[in-house]
Amino acid sequence: MKQNFKFKIMFDGTRYFGWEHQPNTDLTIQGKIETVLQRMVSSEKVPEVIGCGRTDAGVHAKAMIANAFLETDMSTDAIRDYMNRYLPDDICVLEVKEAAERFHSRYKAVGKTYCYTCYTGPLKPVFDRKYVYYIEETPDIGKMEEAAKLLIGIHDYASFCSNPKMKKSTVREVDSIQIIKKGQYIRFTYHGTGFLQHMVRILTGTLLEVGFGKRDVSSIPELFEAKDRSLAGFTAPASGLCMMQVDYN
């Protein structure tokens, strides 16, 4: 009998085309994990690994949650160790647990935390370059904090979604945006019920435009009314984004 298993996964997304299967490449996180699990359970059918979200190409994760139904008598620790033995070095399974039959990593998620990291200064961050967005000048943190307060709440975030064909609701709740500068690093931490395609990266780009004086704080409320992607800020590069946590009841 198949058992539902819950996985907590960490990965460096630099060389991958995101979480979800792509038709012309095997370089996806989902694909790599499914290949290893298929070998582990000796099945002709590839086990479906359901992720809590669809991270974009180049985005990282410290605690991606996924689940899959597997028929195995291996312990959860043995499953974890087997997966880590055969997965590439840039993907690590942190934890495997037995889950309730009705647990679904995406549908049961009630909140997500993302962190976007910028590095500022005259010298390039050679060793961190894959995990930050490098900007030479420091933006105005105070102005960005003012704008962030206006971005918090339950809103229609259509202007912050890169998918123009989005058929589902673009209303989301973002309950927290923290901007902290420590040394040369500026970290934008977002928590909400869920996020649209490229939404965190567009929010970050919009805040940076405020910080660099390219748009006024007062322009933020208009973006919710406009529902027009072209009016919001640029899409910050994928390298600076990392999924930090997924919440479940």
C-alpha atoms as a PDB file:
ATOM      1  CA  MET A   1       0.000   0.000   0.000  1.00  0.00           C
ATOM      2  CA  LYS A   2       1.304   3.427  -0.925  1.00  0.00           C
ATOM      3  CA  GLN A   3       2.156   5.906   1.796  1.00  0.00           C
ATOM      4  CA  ASN A   4       2.151   9.677   1.402  1.00  0.00           C
ATOM      5  CA  PHE A   5       5.540  11.189   2.278  1.00  0.00           C
ATOM      6  CA  LYS A   6       6.391  14.814   2.959  1.00  0.00           C
ATOM      7  CA  PHE A   7       9.824  16.132   1.929  1.00  0.00           C
ATOM      8  CA  LYS A   8      11.711  19.251   2.982  1.00  0.00           C
ATOM      9  CA  ILE A   9      14.211  20.103   0.270  1.00  0.00           C
ATOM     10  CA  MET A  10      17.058  22.602  -0.100  1.00  0.00           C
ATOM     11  CA  PHE A  11      18.519  23.444  -3.484  1.00  0.00           C
ATOM     12  CA  ASP A  12      20.747  25.814  -5.397  1.00  0.00           C
ATOM     13  CA  GLY A  13      18.628  26.680  -8.430  1.00  0.00           C
ATOM     14  CA  THR A  14      21.410  28.304 -10.455  1.00  0.00           C
ATOM     15  CA  ARG A  15      21.680  25.674 -13.176  1.00  0.00           C
ATOM     16  CA  TYR A  16      18.058  24.537 -13.182  1.00  0.00           C
ATOM     17  CA  PHE A  17      15.062  25.633 -15.233  1.00  0.00           C
ATOM     18  CA  GLY A  18      12.909  25.888 -12.125  1.00  0.00           C
ATOM     19  CA  TRP A  19      10.982  23.288 -10.137  1.00  0.00           C
ATOM     20  CA  GLU A  20       8.502  22.036 -12.714  1.00  0.00           C
ATOM     21  CA  HIS A  21       9.104  19.623 -15.581  1.00  0.00           C
ATOM     22  CA  GLN A  22      10.149  21.231 -18.858  1.00  0.00           C
ATOM     23  CA  PRO A  23       9.607  19.492 -22.216  1.00  0.00           C
ATOM     24  CA  ASN A  24      13.131  19.860 -23.604  1.00  0.00           C
ATOM     25  CA  THR A  25      15.413  19.486 -20.594  1.00  0.00           C
ATOM     26  CA  ASP A  26      16.041  17.213 -17.629  1.00  0.00           C
ATOM     27  CA  LEU A  27      17.431  20.114 -15.595  1.00  0.00           C
ATOM     28  CA  THR A  28      14.488  20.659 -13.245  1.00  0.00           C
ATOM     29  CA  ILE A  29      14.337  20.030  -9.515  1.00  0.00           C
ATOM     30  CA  GLN A  30      11.158  17.965  -9.812  1.00  0.00           C
ATOM     31  CA  GLY A  31      12.664  15.851 -12.575  1.00  0.00           C
ATOM     32  CA  LYS A  32      15.863  15.067 -10.662  1.00  0.00           C
ATOM     33  CA  ILE A  33      13.948  14.032  -7.541  1.00  0.00           C
ATOM     34  CA  GLU A  34      11.450  11.869  -9.434  1.00  0.00           C
ATOM     35  CA  THR A  35      14.258  10.068 -11.249  1.00  0.00           C
ATOM     36  CA  VAL A  36      15.895   9.105  -7.952  1.00  0.00           C
ATOM     37  CA  LEU A  37      12.609   8.013  -6.362  1.00  0.00           C
ATOM     38  CA  GLN A  38      11.746   5.873  -9.388  1.00  0.00           C
ATOM     39  CA  ARG A  39      15.046   4.066  -8.985  1.00  0.00           C
ATOM     40  CA  MET A  40      14.510   3.700  -5.245  1.00  0.00           C
ATOM     41  CA  VAL A  41      11.090   2.011  -5.536  1.00  0.00           C
ATOM     42  CA  SER A  42      12.072   0.062  -8.691  1.00  0.00           C
ATOM     43  CA  SER A  43       8.967   1.223 -10.535  1.00  0.00           C
ATOM     44  CA  GLU A  44       8.262   1.475 -14.243  1.00  0.00           C
ATOM     45  CA  LYS A  45       6.000   4.414 -13.514  1.00  0.00           C
ATOM     46  CA  VAL A  46       7.659   7.654 -12.418  1.00  0.00           C
ATOM     47  CA  PRO A  47       6.356   8.720  -8.968  1.00  0.00           C
ATOM     48  CA  GLU A  48       4.774  12.166  -9.078  1.00  0.00           C
ATOM     49  CA  VAL A  49       6.449  14.601  -6.708  1.00  0.00           C
ATOM     50  CA  ILE A  50       4.125  17.514  -5.929  1.00  0.00           C
ATOM     51  CA  GLY A  51       5.849  20.761  -4.991  1.00  0.00           C
ATOM     52  CA  CYS A  52       4.381  23.510  -2.798  1.00  0.00           C
ATOM     53  CA  GLY A  53       5.054  25.970  -5.607  1.00  0.00           C
ATOM     54  CA  ARG A  54       6.713  26.403  -8.968  1.00  0.00           C
ATOM     55  CA  THR A  55       9.978  28.214  -8.402  1.00  0.00           C
ATOM     56  CA  ASP A  56      11.378  29.922 -11.492  1.00  0.00           C
ATOM     57  CA  ALA A  57      14.628  29.177 -13.261  1.00  0.00           C
ATOM     58  CA  GLY A  58      17.573  30.263 -11.125  1.00  0.00           C
ATOM     59  CA  VAL A  59      15.582  30.629  -7.888  1.00  0.00           C
ATOM     60  CA  HIS A  60      16.855  28.874  -4.749  1.00  0.00           C
ATOM     61  CA  ALA A  61      15.190  27.233  -1.761  1.00  0.00           C
ATOM     62  CA  LYS A  62      16.195  26.534   1.826  1.00  0.00           C
ATOM     63  CA  ALA A  63      12.967  24.729   2.719  1.00  0.00           C
ATOM     64  CA  MET A  64      10.921  23.685  -0.313  1.00  0.00           C
ATOM     65  CA  ILE A  65       8.101  21.329   0.679  1.00  0.00           C
ATOM     66  CA  ALA A  66       6.920  18.495  -1.565  1.00  0.00           C
ATOM     67  CA  ASN A  67       5.000  15.250  -1.219  1.00  0.00           C
ATOM     68  CA  ALA A  68       4.721  11.948  -3.071  1.00  0.00           C
ATOM     69  CA  PHE A  69       2.938   8.626  -2.687  1.00  0.00           C
ATOM     70  CA  LEU A  70       5.438   5.757  -2.567  1.00  0.00           C
ATOM     71  CA  GLU A  71       5.229   2.038  -2.008  1.00  0.00           C
ATOM     72  CA  THR A  72       8.258   1.177   0.117  1.00  0.00           C
ATOM     73  CA  ASP A  73       9.154  -0.443   3.410  1.00  0.00           C
ATOM     74  CA  MET A  74      12.159   1.856   3.911  1.00  0.00           C
ATOM     75  CA  SER A  75      12.217   4.123   6.966  1.00  0.00           C
ATOM     76  CA  THR A  76      11.961   7.866   6.488  1.00  0.00           C
ATOM     77  CA  ASP A  77      15.631   8.303   7.399  1.00  0.00           C
ATOM     78  CA  ALA A  78      16.609   5.604   4.919  1.00  0.00           C
ATOM     79  CA  ILE A  79      14.591   7.315   2.178  1.00  0.00           C
ATOM     80  CA  ARG A  80      16.298  10.623   2.963  1.00  0.00           C
ATOM     81  CA  ASP A  81      19.747   9.054   2.906  1.00  0.00           C
ATOM     82  CA  TYR A  82      19.061   7.186  -0.336  1.00  0.00           C
ATOM     83  CA  MET A  83      17.865  10.337  -2.057  1.00  0.00           C
ATOM     84  CA  ASN A  84      20.846  12.370  -0.919  1.00  0.00           C
ATOM     85  CA  ARG A  85      23.215   9.627  -2.081  1.00  0.00           C
ATOM     86  CA  TYR A  86      21.973   9.849  -5.670  1.00  0.00           C
ATOM     87  CA  LEU A  87      20.768  13.441  -6.035  1.00  0.00           C
ATOM     88  CA  PRO A  88      23.187  16.050  -7.474  1.00  0.00           C
ATOM     89  CA  ASP A  89      25.258  17.976  -4.950  1.00  0.00           C
ATOM     90  CA  ASP A  90      23.127  21.110  -5.428  1.00  0.00           C
ATOM     91  CA  ILE A  91      19.964  19.388  -4.151  1.00  0.00           C
ATOM     92  CA  CYS A  92      19.627  18.108  -0.575  1.00  0.00           C
ATOM     93  CA  VAL A  93      16.665  16.449   1.138  1.00  0.00           C
ATOM     94  CA  LEU A  94      16.667  17.807   4.679  1.00  0.00           C
ATOM     95  CA  GLU A  95      13.807  15.744   6.048  1.00  0.00           C
ATOM     96  CA  VAL A  96      11.348  13.000   5.109  1.00  0.00           C
ATOM     97  CA  LYS A  97       8.180  12.376   7.125  1.00  0.00           C
ATOM     98  CA  GLU A  98       5.114  10.210   6.753  1.00  0.00           C
ATOM     99  CA  ALA A  99       2.131  12.419   5.923  1.00  0.00           C
ATOM    100  CA  ALA A 100      -1.633  12.052   6.094  1.00  0.00           C
ATOM    101  CA  GLU A 101      -3.232  10.670   2.953  1.00  0.00           C
ATOM    102  CA  ARG A 102      -4.963  13.988   2.274  1.00  0.00           C
ATOM    103  CA  PHE A 103      -1.822  16.097   2.720  1.00  0.00           C
ATOM    104  CA  HIS A 104      -1.028  18.078  -0.431  1.00  0.00           C
ATOM    105  CA  SER A 105       2.056  20.278  -0.322  1.00  0.00           C
ATOM    106  CA  ARG A 106       0.528  22.993  -2.515  1.00  0.00           C
ATOM    107  CA  TYR A 107      -3.162  23.012  -1.634  1.00  0.00           C
ATOM    108  CA  LYS A 108      -2.608  22.690   2.125  1.00  0.00           C
ATOM    109  CA  ALA A 109      -0.047  25.507   2.329  1.00  0.00           C
ATOM    110  CA  VAL A 110      -1.379  28.551   4.198  1.00  0.00           C
ATOM    111  CA  GLY A 111       1.658  30.808   3.986  1.00  0.00           C
ATOM    112  CA  LYS A 112       5.069  31.226   2.374  1.00  0.00           C
ATOM    113  CA  THR A 113       8.185  33.211   3.182  1.00  0.00           C
ATOM    114  CA  TYR A 114      10.623  34.397   0.522  1.00  0.00           C
ATOM    115  CA  CYS A 115      13.837  36.352   0.946  1.00  0.00           C
ATOM    116  CA  TYR A 116      15.364  38.508  -1.779  1.00  0.00           C
ATOM    117  CA  THR A 117      18.998  39.532  -1.242  1.00  0.00           C
ATOM    118  CA  CYS A 118      20.851  42.447  -2.797  1.00  0.00           C
ATOM    119  CA  TYR A 119      24.527  43.195  -2.413  1.00  0.00           C
ATOM    120  CA  THR A 120      25.619  46.812  -2.636  1.00  0.00           C
ATOM    121  CA  GLY A 121      29.039  48.391  -2.898  1.00  0.00           C
ATOM    122  CA  PRO A 122      31.850  49.253  -5.305  1.00  0.00           C
ATOM    123  CA  LEU A 123      33.330  45.742  -5.325  1.00  0.00           C
ATOM    124  CA  LYS A 124      31.670  42.748  -6.946  1.00  0.00           C
ATOM    125  CA  PRO A 125      30.568  39.887  -4.624  1.00  0.00           C
ATOM    126  CA  VAL A 126      32.592  37.177  -6.353  1.00  0.00           C
ATOM    127  CA  PHE A 127      31.678  34.271  -4.083  1.00  0.00           C
ATOM    128  CA  ASP A 128      28.067  35.341  -3.529  1.00  0.00           C
ATOM    129  CA  ARG A 129      27.306  36.293  -7.122  1.00  0.00           C
ATOM    130  CA  LYS A 130      24.945  33.332  -7.690  1.00  0.00           C
ATOM    131  CA  TYR A 131      22.793  34.201  -4.678  1.00  0.00           C
ATOM    132  CA  VAL A 132      22.450  37.996  -4.746  1.00  0.00           C
ATOM    133  CA  TYR A 133      21.526  40.860  -7.040  1.00  0.00           C
ATOM    134  CA  TYR A 134      24.508  43.193  -7.222  1.00  0.00           C
ATOM    135  CA  ILE A 135      23.828  46.940  -7.180  1.00  0.00           C
ATOM    136  CA  GLU A 136      26.659  49.446  -6.889  1.00  0.00           C
ATOM    137  CA  GLU A 137      24.788  52.187  -5.017  1.00  0.00           C
ATOM    138  CA  THR A 138      22.712  51.878  -1.841  1.00  0.00           C
ATOM    139  CA  PRO A 139      19.013  52.727  -2.271  1.00  0.00           C
ATOM    140  CA  ASP A 140      17.089  54.804   0.273  1.00  0.00           C
ATOM    141  CA  ILE A 141      15.957  52.219   2.834  1.00  0.00           C
ATOM    142  CA  GLY A 142      13.505  54.609   4.503  1.00  0.00           C
ATOM    143  CA  LYS A 143      11.679  55.343   1.253  1.00  0.00           C
ATOM    144  CA  MET A 144      11.477  51.638   0.445  1.00  0.00           C
ATOM    145  CA  GLU A 145      10.034  50.921   3.883  1.00  0.00           C
ATOM    146  CA  GLU A 146       7.357  53.561   3.289  1.00  0.00           C
ATOM    147  CA  ALA A 147       6.447  51.934  -0.018  1.00  0.00           C
ATOM    148  CA  ALA A 148       6.510  48.452   1.519  1.00  0.00           C
ATOM    149  CA  LYS A 149       3.823  49.459   4.023  1.00  0.00           C
ATOM    150  CA  LEU A 150       1.532  50.339   1.105  1.00  0.00           C
ATOM    151  CA  LEU A 151       2.201  46.992  -0.575  1.00  0.00           C
ATOM    152  CA  ILE A 152       1.061  45.040   2.487  1.00  0.00           C
ATOM    153  CA  GLY A 153      -2.525  43.850   2.750  1.00  0.00           C
ATOM    154  CA  ILE A 154      -5.151  42.050   0.713  1.00  0.00           C
ATOM    155  CA  HIS A 155      -4.953  43.461  -2.800  1.00  0.00           C
ATOM    156  CA  ASP A 156      -5.284  42.569  -6.447  1.00  0.00           C
ATOM    157  CA  TYR A 157      -1.616  42.156  -7.399  1.00  0.00           C
ATOM    158  CA  ALA A 158      -2.241  41.859 -11.172  1.00  0.00           C
ATOM    159  CA  SER A 159       0.308  44.645 -11.802  1.00  0.00           C
ATOM    160  CA  PHE A 160       2.914  42.465 -10.083  1.00  0.00           C
ATOM    161  CA  CYS A 161       2.217  39.307 -12.097  1.00  0.00           C
ATOM    162  CA  SER A 162       4.201  38.480 -15.241  1.00  0.00           C
ATOM    163  CA  ASN A 163       1.543  36.128 -16.635  1.00  0.00           C
ATOM    164  CA  PRO A 164      -0.824  38.211 -18.824  1.00  0.00           C
ATOM    165  CA  LYS A 165      -3.043  35.165 -19.430  1.00  0.00           C
ATOM    166  CA  MET A 166      -3.674  34.532 -15.741  1.00  0.00           C
ATOM    167  CA  LYS A 167      -7.239  33.189 -15.506  1.00  0.00           C
ATOM    168  CA  LYS A 168      -7.402  32.621 -11.764  1.00  0.00           C
ATOM    169  CA  SER A 169      -7.792  35.389  -9.194  1.00  0.00           C
ATOM    170  CA  THR A 170      -4.792  37.671  -8.749  1.00  0.00           C
ATOM    171  CA  VAL A 171      -5.925  38.738  -5.276  1.00  0.00           C
ATOM    172  CA  ARG A 172      -3.408  37.790  -2.610  1.00  0.00           C
ATOM    173  CA  GLU A 173      -2.607  38.702   0.985  1.00  0.00           C
ATOM    174  CA  VAL A 174       0.892  39.915   1.815  1.00  0.00           C
ATOM    175  CA  ASP A 175       1.035  40.423   5.580  1.00  0.00           C
ATOM    176  CA  SER A 176       4.687  41.299   6.063  1.00  0.00           C
ATOM    177  CA  ILE A 177       7.536  42.930   4.142  1.00  0.00           C
ATOM    178  CA  GLN A 178      10.761  43.530   6.056  1.00  0.00           C
ATOM    179  CA  ILE A 179      13.758  45.361   4.617  1.00  0.00           C
ATOM    180  CA  ILE A 180      16.982  44.989   6.567  1.00  0.00           C
ATOM    181  CA  LYS A 181      20.429  46.260   5.623  1.00  0.00           C
ATOM    182  CA  LYS A 182      23.353  44.547   7.297  1.00  0.00           C
ATOM    183  CA  GLY A 183      26.793  45.427   6.040  1.00  0.00           C
ATOM    184  CA  GLN A 184      26.755  45.234   2.254  1.00  0.00           C
ATOM    185  CA  TYR A 185      23.593  43.097   2.163  1.00  0.00           C
ATOM    186  CA  ILE A 186      20.006  44.304   1.831  1.00  0.00           C
ATOM    187  CA  ARG A 187      17.419  41.598   2.484  1.00  0.00           C
ATOM    188  CA  PHE A 188      13.762  41.914   1.544  1.00  0.00           C
ATOM    189  CA  THR A 189      11.680  39.296   3.390  1.00  0.00           C
ATOM    190  CA  TYR A 190       8.115  38.691   2.235  1.00  0.00           C
ATOM    191  CA  HIS A 191       5.408  36.637   3.926  1.00  0.00           C
ATOM    192  CA  GLY A 192       1.969  36.020   2.479  1.00  0.00           C
ATOM    193  CA  THR A 193      -0.684  33.461   1.689  1.00  0.00           C
ATOM    194  CA  GLY A 194       0.788  32.901  -1.751  1.00  0.00           C
ATOM    195  CA  PHE A 195       2.511  34.691  -4.597  1.00  0.00           C
ATOM    196  CA  LEU A 196       1.865  35.097  -8.326  1.00  0.00           C
ATOM    197  CA  GLN A 197       4.374  34.357 -11.081  1.00  0.00           C
ATOM    198  CA  HIS A 198       7.459  36.564 -10.579  1.00  0.00           C
ATOM    199  CA  MET A 199       5.500  38.556  -7.974  1.00  0.00           C
ATOM    200  CA  VAL A 200       8.247  38.737  -5.338  1.00  0.00           C
ATOM    201  CA  ARG A 201      10.820  39.743  -7.927  1.00  0.00           C
ATOM    202  CA  ILE A 202       8.523  42.459  -9.328  1.00  0.00           C
ATOM    203  CA  LEU A 203       7.729  43.751  -5.828  1.00  0.00           C
ATOM    204  CA  THR A 204      11.469  43.947  -5.181  1.00  0.00           C
ATOM    205  CA  GLY A 205      12.120  45.738  -8.465  1.00  0.00           C
ATOM    206  CA  THR A 206       9.361  48.226  -7.656  1.00  0.00           C
ATOM    207  CA  LEU A 207      10.770  48.890  -4.179  1.00  0.00           C
ATOM    208  CA  LEU A 208      14.263  49.382  -5.594  1.00  0.00           C
ATOM    209  CA  GLU A 209      12.916  51.922  -8.078  1.00  0.00           C
ATOM    210  CA  VAL A 210      11.450  53.823  -5.126  1.00  0.00           C
ATOM    211  CA  GLY A 211      14.769  53.554  -3.301  1.00  0.00           C
ATOM    212  CA  PHE A 212      16.654  54.949  -6.281  1.00  0.00           C
ATOM    213  CA  GLY A 213      14.185  57.785  -6.777  1.00  0.00           C
ATOM    214  CA  LYS A 214      12.829  56.448 -10.058  1.00  0.00           C
ATOM    215  CA  ARG A 215       9.257  56.405  -8.742  1.00  0.00           C
ATOM    216  CA  ASP A 216       7.399  58.059  -5.855  1.00  0.00           C
ATOM    217  CA  VAL A 217       6.007  56.236  -2.858  1.00  0.00           C
ATOM    218  CA  SER A 218       2.655  57.809  -3.727  1.00  0.00           C
ATOM    219  CA  SER A 219       2.542  55.832  -6.998  1.00  0.00           C
ATOM    220  CA  ILE A 220       2.101  52.490  -5.213  1.00  0.00           C
ATOM    221  CA  PRO A 221      -1.692  52.557  -4.581  1.00  0.00           C
ATOM    222  CA  GLU A 222      -2.304  53.374  -8.258  1.00  0.00           C
ATOM    223  CA  LEU A 223      -0.687  50.085  -9.269  1.00  0.00           C
ATOM    224  CA  PHE A 224      -3.412  48.084  -7.545  1.00  0.00           C
ATOM    225  CA  GLU A 225      -6.100  50.009  -9.376  1.00  0.00           C
ATOM    226  CA  ALA A 226      -4.362  49.844 -12.757  1.00  0.00           C
ATOM    227  CA  LYS A 227      -3.872  46.045 -12.873  1.00  0.00           C
ATOM    228  CA  ASP A 228      -1.224  46.667 -15.522  1.00  0.00           C
ATOM    229  CA  ARG A 229       2.125  44.881 -15.353  1.00  0.00           C
ATOM    230  CA  SER A 230       3.841  47.535 -17.483  1.00  0.00           C
ATOM    231  CA  LEU A 231       3.300  50.159 -14.777  1.00  0.00           C
ATOM    232  CA  ALA A 232       5.071  48.297 -11.944  1.00  0.00           C
ATOM    233  CA  GLY A 233       8.812  48.016 -11.481  1.00  0.00           C
ATOM    234  CA  PHE A 234      11.318  45.794 -13.241  1.00  0.00           C
ATOM    235  CA  THR A 235      11.618  42.089 -12.493  1.00  0.00           C
ATOM    236  CA  ALA A 236      14.646  41.665 -10.218  1.00  0.00           C
ATOM    237  CA  PRO A 237      16.991  38.843 -11.301  1.00  0.00           C
ATOM    238  CA  ALA A 238      16.216  35.310 -10.136  1.00  0.00           C
ATOM    239  CA  SER A 239      19.597  34.806  -8.453  1.00  0.00           C
ATOM    240  CA  GLY A 240      18.664  36.910  -5.414  1.00  0.00           C
ATOM    241  CA  LEU A 241      15.471  35.009  -4.558  1.00  0.00           C
ATOM    242  CA  CYS A 242      15.207  32.141  -2.090  1.00  0.00           C
ATOM    243  CA  MET A 243      12.190  30.291  -0.677  1.00  0.00           C
ATOM    244  CA  MET A 244      12.673  30.212   3.085  1.00  0.00           C
ATOM    245  CA  GLN A 245       9.623  28.580   4.658  1.00  0.00           C
ATOM    246  CA  VAL A 246       6.176  27.132   3.942  1.00  0.00           C
ATOM    247  CA  ASP A 247       3.438  27.220   6.571  1.00  0.00           C
ATOM    248  CA  TYR A 248       0.813  24.531   7.235  1.00  0.00           C
ATOM    249  CA  ASN A 249      -1.906  24.286   9.842  1.00  0.00           C
END
